[in-house]
Structures are given as structure tokens and as C-alpha cells.
Amino acid sequence: MFVYKQFKTLVDSVAKSNADMGRKLGVERTFVGAMCKGKSPVSLKTIKKLRKLFPKLNFHWLITGDGEMFFPDVKNYDTSELTEPKPKYLSDDLYDFLKDQIRIKDERIKKLEDHAETRGEQIKDLKKQLNSFTKTTQKNSY
């Protein structure tokens, strides 16, 4: 499957028109139309912009047509074990970019999970302090 077909499907599902997608990407509507028809390639620059606009976009789907267009909200999605060889249809630059984006996303998820765990522990400590304070206050009021 060709990238332009998935790009057209993406445009049809997230934009009102080629002009709307062009505004989102910072390009002319005619360029969006050319990419949708396969007359202009979907460049690495465009893919980087799509990454910023649609963080849950499944780039494997965009490139191959396999899977879902967007990733679902999944907790503990670990991509560190993915060791598939670089597909022949991906340039080295695009492959490296996508691997780097996966690594960055995994690091962000890990930081957010650590932050949430820390906050959870802080909440537990505050609840203990509040319970202790409440018990002390109740004893002193009798």
C-alpha cells in the first residue's frame, strides 16, 4: 500500500478539506491534494508536522496501511522490545526518526508514570497527616 492512500484517509477523517489540512500543516491546499493523489510524496517534514498535530497517529499505519489509524489510550505500552528490521520501503532518515520518536514517547510515558507514583505517595502521606491531625483535634475538643 502507498503512503498517499493513508494520507488521504487521514485528511478525510481529521480535516474538513484539503485547505483545512493545508492550514494545519502550513502548506497550500494544492500541495495537500497532490499528496493525497500520490503526485507529491508525503515528506519527512510533513510526517514531523503530523506527529506534532496528531500525537496518537499510528505511523506504522500511515506507512503500511496495517493496524489502526490512531493508537488507543493504552497504559504500560512498552515498545522497548520491538526489534523488527527496518522495512525496505523506509528511508534510513525516516526509520531513524520514527525510532527516535518512539524512544522519546517511551521516556515521556515513564516520566509521567514516575510523577504519578510520586504524587500518589504524597497524597497518602497527606492523608495520614490529616487523619493524625483530626484525631488529635478530636481528643483535645473533649
C-alpha atoms as a PDB file:
ATOM      1  CA  MET A   1       0.000   0.000   0.000  1.00  0.00           C
ATOM      2  CA  PHE A   2       1.195   3.510  -0.715  1.00  0.00           C
ATOM      3  CA  VAL A   3       1.569   6.230   1.910  1.00  0.00           C
ATOM      4  CA  TYR A   4      -0.533   8.665  -0.085  1.00  0.00           C
ATOM      5  CA  LYS A   5      -3.609   6.457   0.311  1.00  0.00           C
ATOM      6  CA  GLN A   6      -3.335   6.504   4.099  1.00  0.00           C
ATOM      7  CA  PHE A   7      -2.563  10.232   3.986  1.00  0.00           C
ATOM      8  CA  LYS A   8      -5.800  10.794   2.018  1.00  0.00           C
ATOM      9  CA  THR A   9      -7.726   8.698   4.560  1.00  0.00           C
ATOM     10  CA  LEU A  10      -6.181  10.749   7.375  1.00  0.00           C
ATOM     11  CA  VAL A  11      -7.079  14.044   5.684  1.00  0.00           C
ATOM     12  CA  ASP A  12     -10.653  12.850   5.109  1.00  0.00           C
ATOM     13  CA  SER A  13     -11.046  11.883   8.756  1.00  0.00           C
ATOM     14  CA  VAL A  14      -9.394  14.813  10.564  1.00  0.00           C
ATOM     15  CA  ALA A  15      -9.872  17.805   8.256  1.00  0.00           C
ATOM     16  CA  LYS A  16     -12.864  19.474   6.649  1.00  0.00           C
ATOM     17  CA  SER A  17     -10.996  19.873   3.367  1.00  0.00           C
ATOM     18  CA  ASN A  18      -7.572  19.928   1.760  1.00  0.00           C
ATOM     19  CA  ALA A  19      -7.458  23.645   2.571  1.00  0.00           C
ATOM     20  CA  ASP A  20      -8.169  22.879   6.236  1.00  0.00           C
ATOM     21  CA  MET A  21      -5.375  20.284   6.358  1.00  0.00           C
ATOM     22  CA  GLY A  22      -3.115  22.706   4.496  1.00  0.00           C
ATOM     23  CA  ARG A  23      -3.672  25.315   7.220  1.00  0.00           C
ATOM     24  CA  LYS A  24      -2.876  22.741   9.896  1.00  0.00           C
ATOM     25  CA  LEU A  25       0.318  21.677   8.117  1.00  0.00           C
ATOM     26  CA  GLY A  26       1.297  25.164   6.974  1.00  0.00           C
ATOM     27  CA  VAL A  27       1.159  24.259   3.262  1.00  0.00           C
ATOM     28  CA  GLU A  28      -1.064  25.104   0.306  1.00  0.00           C
ATOM     29  CA  ARG A  29      -4.262  23.120  -0.262  1.00  0.00           C
ATOM     30  CA  THR A  30      -2.992  22.159  -3.725  1.00  0.00           C
ATOM     31  CA  PHE A  31       0.046  20.529  -2.129  1.00  0.00           C
ATOM     32  CA  VAL A  32      -2.216  18.556   0.219  1.00  0.00           C
ATOM     33  CA  GLY A  33      -4.265  17.498  -2.823  1.00  0.00           C
ATOM     34  CA  ALA A  34      -1.109  16.429  -4.665  1.00  0.00           C
ATOM     35  CA  MET A  35      -0.008  14.330  -1.668  1.00  0.00           C
ATOM     36  CA  CYS A  36      -3.479  12.756  -1.445  1.00  0.00           C
ATOM     37  CA  LYS A  37      -3.231  11.734  -5.122  1.00  0.00           C
ATOM     38  CA  GLY A  38       0.345  10.496  -4.887  1.00  0.00           C
ATOM     39  CA  LYS A  39       1.651  13.234  -7.184  1.00  0.00           C
ATOM     40  CA  SER A  40       3.836  14.668  -4.391  1.00  0.00           C
ATOM     41  CA  PRO A  41       5.464  12.457  -1.771  1.00  0.00           C
ATOM     42  CA  VAL A  42       4.479  12.669   1.877  1.00  0.00           C
ATOM     43  CA  SER A  43       7.829  14.008   3.065  1.00  0.00           C
ATOM     44  CA  LEU A  44       9.647  13.560   6.338  1.00  0.00           C
ATOM     45  CA  LYS A  45       8.907  17.229   7.066  1.00  0.00           C
ATOM     46  CA  THR A  46       5.175  16.559   6.632  1.00  0.00           C
ATOM     47  CA  ILE A  47       5.386  13.459   8.819  1.00  0.00           C
ATOM     48  CA  LYS A  48       7.098  15.506  11.564  1.00  0.00           C
ATOM     49  CA  LYS A  49       4.266  18.049  11.391  1.00  0.00           C
ATOM     50  CA  LEU A  50       1.696  15.251  11.540  1.00  0.00           C
ATOM     51  CA  ARG A  51       3.481  13.922  14.636  1.00  0.00           C
ATOM     52  CA  LYS A  52       3.018  17.256  16.395  1.00  0.00           C
ATOM     53  CA  LEU A  53      -0.592  17.667  15.251  1.00  0.00           C
ATOM     54  CA  PHE A  54      -1.698  14.105  15.981  1.00  0.00           C
ATOM     55  CA  PRO A  55       0.413  12.536  18.756  1.00  0.00           C
ATOM     56  CA  LYS A  56      -1.652   9.336  18.725  1.00  0.00           C
ATOM     57  CA  LEU A  57      -1.259   8.815  14.971  1.00  0.00           C
ATOM     58  CA  ASN A  58      -0.011   5.311  14.244  1.00  0.00           C
ATOM     59  CA  PHE A  59       2.916   5.855  11.866  1.00  0.00           C
ATOM     60  CA  HIS A  60       3.090   2.157  11.080  1.00  0.00           C
ATOM     61  CA  TRP A  61      -0.450   2.507   9.735  1.00  0.00           C
ATOM     62  CA  LEU A  62       0.480   5.676   7.825  1.00  0.00           C
ATOM     63  CA  ILE A  63       3.361   3.927   6.090  1.00  0.00           C
ATOM     64  CA  THR A  64       1.966   0.422   5.608  1.00  0.00           C
ATOM     65  CA  GLY A  65      -1.809   0.666   5.999  1.00  0.00           C
ATOM     66  CA  ASP A  66      -1.665  -2.049   8.668  1.00  0.00           C
ATOM     67  CA  GLY A  67      -3.392  -1.584  12.015  1.00  0.00           C
ATOM     68  CA  GLU A  68      -5.482   1.314  13.230  1.00  0.00           C
ATOM     69  CA  MET A  69      -5.057   4.948  12.217  1.00  0.00           C
ATOM     70  CA  PHE A  70      -4.706   6.095  15.826  1.00  0.00           C
ATOM     71  CA  PHE A  71      -3.317   4.392  18.900  1.00  0.00           C
ATOM     72  CA  PRO A  72      -5.860   3.809  21.655  1.00  0.00           C
ATOM     73  CA  ASP A  73      -5.198   5.051  25.161  1.00  0.00           C
ATOM     74  CA  VAL A  74      -3.161   2.155  26.487  1.00  0.00           C
ATOM     75  CA  LYS A  75      -1.310   2.172  29.792  1.00  0.00           C
ATOM     76  CA  ASN A  76       2.062   0.441  30.036  1.00  0.00           C
ATOM     77  CA  TYR A  77       2.576   0.222  26.270  1.00  0.00           C
ATOM     78  CA  ASP A  78       6.202  -0.880  26.086  1.00  0.00           C
ATOM     79  CA  THR A  79       7.938  -0.504  22.737  1.00  0.00           C
ATOM     80  CA  SER A  80      11.443  -1.244  24.029  1.00  0.00           C
ATOM     81  CA  GLU A  81      11.145  -4.880  22.929  1.00  0.00           C
ATOM     82  CA  LEU A  82      10.407  -4.041  19.296  1.00  0.00           C
ATOM     83  CA  THR A  83      13.324  -5.343  17.284  1.00  0.00           C
ATOM     84  CA  GLU A  84      11.876  -5.617  13.796  1.00  0.00           C
ATOM     85  CA  PRO A  85      14.340  -4.916  10.999  1.00  0.00           C
ATOM     86  CA  LYS A  86      13.981  -1.707   9.021  1.00  0.00           C
ATOM     87  CA  PRO A  87      11.392  -2.205   6.267  1.00  0.00           C
ATOM     88  CA  LYS A  88      12.793  -1.794   2.751  1.00  0.00           C
ATOM     89  CA  TYR A  89      10.289   0.942   1.856  1.00  0.00           C
ATOM     90  CA  LEU A  90      11.513   3.276   4.642  1.00  0.00           C
ATOM     91  CA  SER A  91      14.435   5.586   4.110  1.00  0.00           C
ATOM     92  CA  ASP A  92      17.158   5.451   6.763  1.00  0.00           C
ATOM     93  CA  ASP A  93      16.276   9.003   7.839  1.00  0.00           C
ATOM     94  CA  LEU A  94      12.581   8.223   8.265  1.00  0.00           C
ATOM     95  CA  TYR A  95      13.310   4.954  10.062  1.00  0.00           C
ATOM     96  CA  ASP A  96      15.720   6.679  12.469  1.00  0.00           C
ATOM     97  CA  PHE A  97      13.216   9.488  13.013  1.00  0.00           C
ATOM     98  CA  LEU A  98      10.407   7.060  13.841  1.00  0.00           C
ATOM     99  CA  LYS A  99      12.607   5.019  16.189  1.00  0.00           C
ATOM    100  CA  ASP A 100      13.661   8.241  17.922  1.00  0.00           C
ATOM    101  CA  GLN A 101      10.034   9.346  18.281  1.00  0.00           C
ATOM    102  CA  ILE A 102       9.143   6.003  19.860  1.00  0.00           C
ATOM    103  CA  ARG A 103      12.065   6.333  22.285  1.00  0.00           C
ATOM    104  CA  ILE A 104      11.041   9.900  23.218  1.00  0.00           C
ATOM    105  CA  LYS A 105       7.429   8.841  23.739  1.00  0.00           C
ATOM    106  CA  ASP A 106       8.508   5.917  25.941  1.00  0.00           C
ATOM    107  CA  GLU A 107      10.684   8.265  28.029  1.00  0.00           C
ATOM    108  CA  ARG A 108       7.785  10.716  28.448  1.00  0.00           C
ATOM    109  CA  ILE A 109       5.439   7.930  29.492  1.00  0.00           C
ATOM    110  CA  LYS A 110       7.973   6.668  32.043  1.00  0.00           C
ATOM    111  CA  LYS A 111       8.436  10.172  33.484  1.00  0.00           C
ATOM    112  CA  LEU A 112       4.668  10.659  33.746  1.00  0.00           C
ATOM    113  CA  GLU A 113       4.235   7.283  35.446  1.00  0.00           C
ATOM    114  CA  ASP A 114       7.030   8.127  37.917  1.00  0.00           C
ATOM    115  CA  HIS A 115       5.470  11.539  38.556  1.00  0.00           C
ATOM    116  CA  ALA A 116       2.049   9.973  39.139  1.00  0.00           C
ATOM    117  CA  GLU A 117       3.569   7.440  41.547  1.00  0.00           C
ATOM    118  CA  THR A 118       5.333  10.214  43.472  1.00  0.00           C
ATOM    119  CA  ARG A 119       2.127  12.232  43.665  1.00  0.00           C
ATOM    120  CA  GLY A 120       0.244   9.159  44.867  1.00  0.00           C
ATOM    121  CA  GLU A 121       2.751   8.671  47.677  1.00  0.00           C
ATOM    122  CA  GLN A 122       2.494  12.354  48.600  1.00  0.00           C
ATOM    123  CA  ILE A 123      -1.298  12.074  48.750  1.00  0.00           C
ATOM    124  CA  LYS A 124      -1.050   9.036  51.036  1.00  0.00           C
ATOM    125  CA  ASP A 125       1.311  10.956  53.347  1.00  0.00           C
ATOM    126  CA  LEU A 126      -1.021  13.953  53.423  1.00  0.00           C
ATOM    127  CA  LYS A 127      -3.997  11.712  54.234  1.00  0.00           C
ATOM    128  CA  LYS A 128      -2.059  10.180  57.142  1.00  0.00           C
ATOM    129  CA  GLN A 129      -1.164  13.656  58.424  1.00  0.00           C
ATOM    130  CA  LEU A 130      -4.787  14.780  58.093  1.00  0.00           C
ATOM    131  CA  ASN A 131      -6.055  11.695  59.941  1.00  0.00           C
ATOM    132  CA  SER A 132      -3.487  12.242  62.694  1.00  0.00           C
ATOM    133  CA  PHE A 133      -4.428  15.916  62.950  1.00  0.00           C
ATOM    134  CA  THR A 134      -8.141  15.057  63.022  1.00  0.00           C
ATOM    135  CA  LYS A 135      -7.637  12.505  65.834  1.00  0.00           C
ATOM    136  CA  THR A 136      -5.527  14.979  67.839  1.00  0.00           C
ATOM    137  CA  THR A 137      -8.122  17.723  67.365  1.00  0.00           C
ATOM    138  CA  GLN A 138     -10.959  15.415  68.409  1.00  0.00           C
ATOM    139  CA  LYS A 139      -9.088  14.350  71.600  1.00  0.00           C
ATOM    140  CA  ASN A 140      -8.396  17.971  72.544  1.00  0.00           C
ATOM    141  CA  SER A 141     -12.009  19.029  71.995  1.00  0.00           C
ATOM    142  CA  TYR A 142     -13.307  16.630  74.713  1.00  0.00           C
END
